[in-house]
């Protein structure tokens, strides 16, 4: 098993637009992992492994090739399991969001630190045949957030918010105005559809997780100009997404130029299962231990 204390490999889960552009930039050093399988089926698409900015990375398109998977149908367990199987120790995830705050403008970036779960009907754990309770008070790794904050200081022309609460709704329809206002009252800063169960599964797999939100619009809480047509609004959202995507690529590239902070300071997530397996280990079906050995085998040795 890859030891995060001596080796760092970054898994990048790209949302709308980001994964495609990163793949184009690293194609010369990439090796597609086309036939990867997991106990939870196949991941969203081929995972491309290689180097980027001198760091070993594995890039996955969350919504699959051609963006065919809506947020509720993303195979989150297969995606996370596959990245763990490839030896990833840290995950950088991105996703388009709506802004719930006037001061978080479309095209900005938000380094999220908290998540509110509003999803339904999604598989939320790997451990269906054991009682496993990971700590999740801080879903986004503080070590990775500091690493990204430092990288943010080196990029120009983009406002990067150092913290933010992401409310993850089920979708695929967007919020009602009442829901959008409710999320604001809850203290949420951005709203999206993909951070969960992804972040929770990454924690169960003992990998560190960082979430970069890409605001594309002000959701529906903020009144729009009456003269704005649906086409012009869509064009505006696409333009904002393109700006935020380019900014997030610049941020990730800057961060990947120096991963030594991640190698020198282990994330709390890397020992997430140490005290989390409440079941009597001697009573857990050996077949289940073996089935999930990529995730938890070291805790049975």
Protein backbone atom coordinates (compact mmCIF):
# COMPACT_ATOMS: atom_id res chain seq x y z
CA UNK A 1 0.00 0.00 0.00
CA UNK A 2 1.18 3.51 -0.80
CA UNK A 3 2.43 5.29 2.31
CA UNK A 4 1.40 8.96 2.32
CA UNK A 5 4.28 9.70 4.71
CA UNK A 6 6.84 8.89 2.00
CA UNK A 7 4.92 9.15 -1.26
CA UNK A 8 2.26 11.48 -2.59
CA UNK A 9 0.03 10.77 -5.54
CA UNK A 10 -2.74 13.24 -6.32
CA UNK A 11 -6.07 12.07 -7.63
CA UNK A 12 -7.88 14.83 -9.51
CA UNK A 13 -11.64 14.46 -9.87
CA UNK A 14 -12.63 16.98 -12.49
CA UNK A 15 -16.08 18.43 -12.80
CA UNK A 16 -17.55 20.17 -15.83
CA UNK A 17 -14.74 21.17 -18.20
CA UNK A 18 -11.76 20.88 -15.87
CA UNK A 19 -10.79 17.24 -16.40
CA UNK A 20 -10.94 17.57 -20.19
CA UNK A 21 -8.53 20.49 -20.20
CA UNK A 22 -6.11 18.94 -17.74
CA UNK A 23 -6.03 15.76 -19.81
CA UNK A 24 -5.14 17.71 -22.93
CA UNK A 25 -2.22 19.37 -21.14
CA UNK A 26 -0.75 16.15 -19.71
CA UNK A 27 -1.43 13.77 -22.62
CA UNK A 28 2.28 13.44 -23.46
CA UNK A 29 3.04 11.81 -20.12
CA UNK A 30 -0.21 9.94 -19.57
CA UNK A 31 -1.06 6.26 -19.38
CA UNK A 32 -4.79 5.47 -19.63
CA UNK A 33 -6.05 2.85 -17.17
CA UNK A 34 -8.86 1.61 -19.39
CA UNK A 35 -9.84 -1.68 -17.78
CA UNK A 36 -9.91 -0.72 -14.12
CA UNK A 37 -12.69 -2.46 -12.19
CA UNK A 38 -13.82 -2.38 -8.56
CA UNK A 39 -16.20 -4.29 -6.26
CA UNK A 40 -18.63 -1.45 -6.98
CA UNK A 41 -18.42 -1.63 -10.76
CA UNK A 42 -16.44 0.52 -13.14
CA UNK A 43 -15.59 4.16 -12.47
CA UNK A 44 -17.11 7.00 -14.48
CA UNK A 45 -14.54 6.53 -17.21
CA UNK A 46 -10.89 5.76 -17.90
CA UNK A 47 -8.50 7.13 -15.29
CA UNK A 48 -5.44 8.71 -16.85
CA UNK A 49 -2.27 8.39 -14.80
CA UNK A 50 0.95 10.27 -15.34
CA UNK A 51 2.83 13.32 -14.13
CA UNK A 52 1.73 16.94 -14.03
CA UNK A 53 4.00 19.70 -12.84
CA UNK A 54 6.45 17.03 -11.73
CA UNK A 55 3.95 15.32 -9.41
CA UNK A 56 2.35 11.91 -9.99
CA UNK A 57 -1.35 12.33 -10.69
CA UNK A 58 -4.40 10.33 -11.73
CA UNK A 59 -7.20 12.24 -13.44
CA UNK A 60 -10.83 11.15 -13.57
CA UNK A 61 -13.79 12.80 -15.28
CA UNK A 62 -16.53 12.65 -12.64
CA UNK A 63 -19.38 12.74 -15.16
CA UNK A 64 -17.70 10.40 -17.63
CA UNK A 65 -16.64 10.97 -21.21
CA UNK A 66 -19.13 13.28 -22.87
CA UNK A 67 -20.64 14.31 -19.50
CA UNK A 68 -23.33 11.63 -19.69
CA UNK A 69 -23.70 10.96 -15.94
CA UNK A 70 -25.94 13.26 -13.93
CA UNK A 71 -24.89 13.90 -10.30
CA UNK A 72 -27.15 11.21 -8.81
CA UNK A 73 -25.83 8.57 -11.22
CA UNK A 74 -22.10 9.17 -10.78
CA UNK A 75 -20.57 5.89 -9.49
CA UNK A 76 -18.96 7.59 -6.50
CA UNK A 77 -17.90 4.38 -4.74
CA UNK A 78 -16.27 2.96 -7.86
CA UNK A 79 -14.49 6.27 -8.55
CA UNK A 80 -13.00 6.57 -5.08
CA UNK A 81 -12.12 2.88 -4.81
CA UNK A 82 -10.35 3.02 -8.19
CA UNK A 83 -8.28 6.05 -7.22
CA UNK A 84 -7.28 4.34 -3.96
CA UNK A 85 -6.39 1.21 -5.91
CA UNK A 86 -4.08 3.28 -8.11
CA UNK A 87 -2.20 4.46 -5.03
CA UNK A 88 -3.65 7.95 -4.62
CA UNK A 89 -3.06 9.50 -1.22
CA UNK A 90 -4.74 12.88 -1.77
CA UNK A 91 -7.76 13.96 -3.82
CA UNK A 92 -8.35 17.38 -5.37
CA UNK A 93 -11.96 17.68 -6.52
CA UNK A 94 -13.61 20.49 -8.44
CA UNK A 95 -17.18 21.26 -9.37
CA UNK A 96 -19.35 23.98 -10.83
CA UNK A 97 -21.57 25.66 -8.22
CA UNK A 98 -24.00 28.50 -7.72
CA UNK A 99 -22.91 31.33 -5.44
CA UNK A 100 -25.07 32.09 -2.41
CA UNK A 101 -23.13 35.22 -1.42
CA UNK A 102 -22.87 38.62 -3.07
CA UNK A 103 -19.13 38.73 -2.43
CA UNK A 104 -18.48 35.37 -4.11
CA UNK A 105 -18.66 36.40 -7.74
CA UNK A 106 -19.05 34.05 -10.70
CA UNK A 107 -15.57 33.21 -11.94
CA UNK A 108 -14.06 33.26 -8.42
CA UNK A 109 -12.74 30.11 -6.75
CA UNK A 110 -13.73 28.84 -3.29
CA UNK A 111 -11.54 26.50 -1.23
CA UNK A 112 -14.35 24.86 0.69
CA UNK A 113 -13.91 23.76 4.28
CA UNK A 114 -17.43 22.58 5.15
CA UNK A 115 -20.23 20.64 3.43
CA UNK A 116 -23.96 20.29 4.18
CA UNK A 117 -25.61 17.11 2.92
CA UNK A 118 -28.97 17.47 1.18
CA UNK A 119 -28.64 14.39 -1.04
CA UNK A 120 -30.98 11.42 -1.13
CA UNK A 121 -30.86 7.93 -2.61
CA UNK A 122 -27.07 7.80 -2.96
CA UNK A 123 -24.86 5.03 -1.62
CA UNK A 124 -23.00 6.70 1.24
CA UNK A 125 -20.53 4.08 2.51
CA UNK A 126 -18.24 1.28 1.39
CA UNK A 127 -18.86 -0.70 4.57
CA UNK A 128 -22.32 -2.20 4.28
CA UNK A 129 -21.40 -5.31 6.28
CA UNK A 130 -19.65 -3.71 9.23
CA UNK A 131 -20.13 -0.81 11.63
CA UNK A 132 -17.59 1.78 10.47
CA UNK A 133 -17.93 5.34 11.77
CA UNK A 134 -15.30 7.78 10.49
CA UNK A 135 -14.90 11.26 11.95
CA UNK A 136 -16.15 13.82 9.46
CA UNK A 137 -16.30 17.10 11.38
CA UNK A 138 -13.86 18.65 8.91
CA UNK A 139 -14.60 17.05 5.54
CA UNK A 140 -11.88 18.96 3.69
CA UNK A 141 -8.29 18.30 4.69
CA UNK A 142 -6.67 21.25 6.53
CA UNK A 143 -3.21 20.29 5.25
CA UNK A 144 -4.39 20.32 1.64
CA UNK A 145 -6.27 23.57 2.12
CA UNK A 146 -3.11 25.28 3.41
CA UNK A 147 -1.20 23.84 0.45
CA UNK A 148 -3.76 25.25 -2.01
CA UNK A 149 -3.91 28.60 -0.19
CA UNK A 150 -0.16 28.99 -0.59
CA UNK A 151 -0.45 28.18 -4.28
CA UNK A 152 -3.27 30.71 -4.64
CA UNK A 153 -0.87 33.48 -3.63
CA UNK A 154 1.14 32.81 -6.78
CA UNK A 155 -1.66 33.18 -9.34
CA UNK A 156 -2.83 36.56 -10.55
CA UNK A 157 -6.18 37.83 -11.71
CA UNK A 158 -8.38 35.43 -9.74
CA UNK A 159 -10.05 35.93 -6.41
CA UNK A 160 -9.67 32.80 -4.29
CA UNK A 161 -11.86 32.57 -1.19
CA UNK A 162 -9.99 30.76 1.56
CA UNK A 163 -13.04 29.04 3.07
CA UNK A 164 -16.66 28.33 2.29
CA UNK A 165 -19.56 26.04 3.08
CA UNK A 166 -20.85 23.94 0.19
CA UNK A 167 -24.44 22.69 0.38
CA UNK A 168 -24.79 19.54 -1.72
CA UNK A 169 -28.31 19.12 -3.11
CA UNK A 170 -29.68 16.08 -4.89
CA UNK A 171 -30.55 17.62 -8.26
CA UNK A 172 -30.54 17.28 -11.17
CA UNK A 173 -32.95 20.25 -11.18
CA UNK A 174 -31.58 23.44 -9.69
CA UNK A 175 -32.88 25.04 -6.48
CA UNK A 176 -36.21 26.69 -6.01
CA UNK A 177 -35.95 30.29 -4.85
CA UNK A 178 -37.19 29.25 -1.40
CA UNK A 179 -34.49 26.58 -1.17
CA UNK A 180 -31.83 29.02 -2.28
CA UNK A 181 -32.87 31.50 0.40
CA UNK A 182 -32.96 28.69 2.98
CA UNK A 183 -29.39 27.67 2.14
CA UNK A 184 -28.30 31.27 2.64
CA UNK A 185 -29.97 31.33 6.05
CA UNK A 186 -28.13 28.13 6.95
CA UNK A 187 -24.83 29.89 6.31
CA UNK A 188 -23.94 28.09 3.09
CA UNK A 189 -21.77 29.94 0.56
CA UNK A 190 -22.11 27.84 -2.59
CA UNK A 191 -24.54 25.17 -3.80
CA UNK A 192 -23.68 22.17 -5.94
CA UNK A 193 -24.61 18.53 -6.54
CA UNK A 194 -21.46 16.39 -6.40
CA UNK A 195 -19.39 16.88 -3.22
CA UNK A 196 -21.30 14.11 -1.41
CA UNK A 197 -21.06 11.22 -0.96
CA UNK A 198 -17.70 11.75 -2.68
CA UNK A 199 -15.96 13.50 0.23
CA UNK A 200 -17.29 11.02 2.79
CA UNK A 201 -16.13 8.03 0.71
CA UNK A 202 -12.69 9.56 0.30
CA UNK A 203 -12.48 9.81 4.09
CA UNK A 204 -13.54 6.16 4.44
CA UNK A 205 -10.73 5.28 2.01
CA UNK A 206 -8.20 7.15 4.21
CA UNK A 207 -7.31 9.70 1.56
CA UNK A 208 -7.16 13.46 2.10
CA UNK A 209 -9.75 15.56 0.24
CA UNK A 210 -9.75 19.15 -1.00
CA UNK A 211 -12.70 20.76 -2.77
CA UNK A 212 -12.43 23.69 -5.18
CA UNK A 213 -15.83 25.19 -5.97
CA UNK A 214 -16.26 27.03 -9.29
CA UNK A 215 -19.15 29.51 -8.99
CA UNK A 216 -20.82 30.11 -12.35
CA UNK A 217 -23.85 32.20 -11.29
CA UNK A 218 -25.76 33.49 -8.25
CA UNK A 219 -28.17 30.54 -8.15
CA UNK A 220 -31.75 31.91 -8.07
CA UNK A 221 -31.80 33.92 -4.82
CA UNK A 222 -30.42 37.02 -6.54
CA UNK A 223 -32.83 38.81 -8.91
CA UNK A 224 -31.72 38.78 -12.52
CA UNK A 225 -32.00 41.68 -14.90
CA UNK A 226 -35.43 41.64 -16.53
CA UNK A 227 -34.00 42.26 -19.99
CA UNK A 228 -31.70 39.25 -19.80
CA UNK A 229 -32.84 36.44 -22.07
CA UNK A 230 -32.41 32.77 -21.26
CA UNK A 231 -29.78 32.55 -24.01
CA UNK A 232 -27.77 35.46 -22.65
CA UNK A 233 -27.92 33.99 -19.12
CA UNK A 234 -26.69 30.65 -20.41
CA UNK A 235 -23.89 32.37 -22.31
CA UNK A 236 -22.94 34.22 -19.13
CA UNK A 237 -22.86 30.99 -17.10
CA UNK A 238 -20.71 29.24 -19.72
CA UNK A 239 -18.34 32.21 -19.84
CA UNK A 240 -18.04 32.23 -16.05
CA UNK A 241 -17.42 28.49 -16.00
CA UNK A 242 -14.66 28.87 -18.56
CA UNK A 243 -13.00 31.60 -16.48
CA UNK A 244 -13.28 29.62 -13.27
CA UNK A 245 -12.02 26.47 -14.99
CA UNK A 246 -8.93 28.23 -16.31
CA UNK A 247 -8.33 29.73 -12.86
CA UNK A 248 -8.67 26.35 -11.16
CA UNK A 249 -6.22 24.78 -13.61
CA UNK A 250 -3.73 27.55 -12.83
CA UNK A 251 -4.22 26.94 -9.11
CA UNK A 252 -3.81 23.16 -9.40
CA UNK A 253 -0.71 23.53 -11.59
CA UNK A 254 0.83 25.95 -9.11
CA UNK A 255 0.11 23.59 -6.24
CA UNK A 256 1.47 20.54 -8.06
CA UNK A 257 4.78 22.31 -8.62
CA UNK A 258 5.57 21.61 -4.95
CA UNK A 259 3.87 18.73 -3.13
CA UNK A 260 6.49 18.58 -0.39
CA UNK A 261 4.08 20.09 2.19
CA UNK A 262 1.80 17.09 1.65
CA UNK A 263 4.66 14.62 1.97
CA UNK A 264 6.02 16.22 5.13
CA UNK A 265 2.72 16.61 6.99
CA UNK A 266 0.33 13.63 6.96
CA UNK A 267 -3.35 14.41 6.81
CA UNK A 268 -5.60 13.35 9.70
CA UNK A 269 -7.59 11.50 7.05
CA UNK A 270 -4.76 9.03 6.49
CA UNK A 271 -5.63 7.29 9.76
CA UNK A 272 -9.40 7.71 9.50
CA UNK A 273 -10.11 4.01 10.10
CA UNK A 274 -7.76 3.56 13.08
CA UNK A 275 -10.59 3.86 15.63
CA UNK A 276 -13.52 3.84 13.24
CA UNK A 277 -14.12 0.09 12.90
CA UNK A 278 -16.53 -0.61 15.76
CA UNK A 279 -17.40 -4.15 14.73
CA UNK A 280 -15.58 -7.07 16.32
CA UNK A 281 -13.01 -7.69 13.59
CA UNK A 282 -12.98 -11.40 14.30
CA UNK A 283 -16.69 -11.52 13.44
CA UNK A 284 -16.45 -9.73 10.08
CA UNK A 285 -16.80 -12.08 7.13
CA UNK A 286 -13.29 -12.77 5.76
CA UNK A 287 -14.72 -12.50 2.26
CA UNK A 288 -15.76 -8.92 3.00
CA UNK A 289 -12.34 -8.11 4.43
CA UNK A 290 -10.76 -9.41 1.25
CA UNK A 291 -13.31 -7.68 -1.00
CA UNK A 292 -12.36 -4.32 0.49
CA UNK A 293 -8.70 -5.04 1.17
CA UNK A 294 -7.61 -2.01 -0.88
CA UNK A 295 -9.39 0.19 1.67
CA UNK A 296 -8.88 -1.42 5.08
CA UNK A 297 -6.67 -4.50 4.98
CA UNK A 298 -3.86 -2.90 7.05
CA UNK A 299 -6.26 -2.60 9.99
CA UNK A 300 -6.65 -6.38 10.08
CA UNK A 301 -2.95 -7.26 10.08
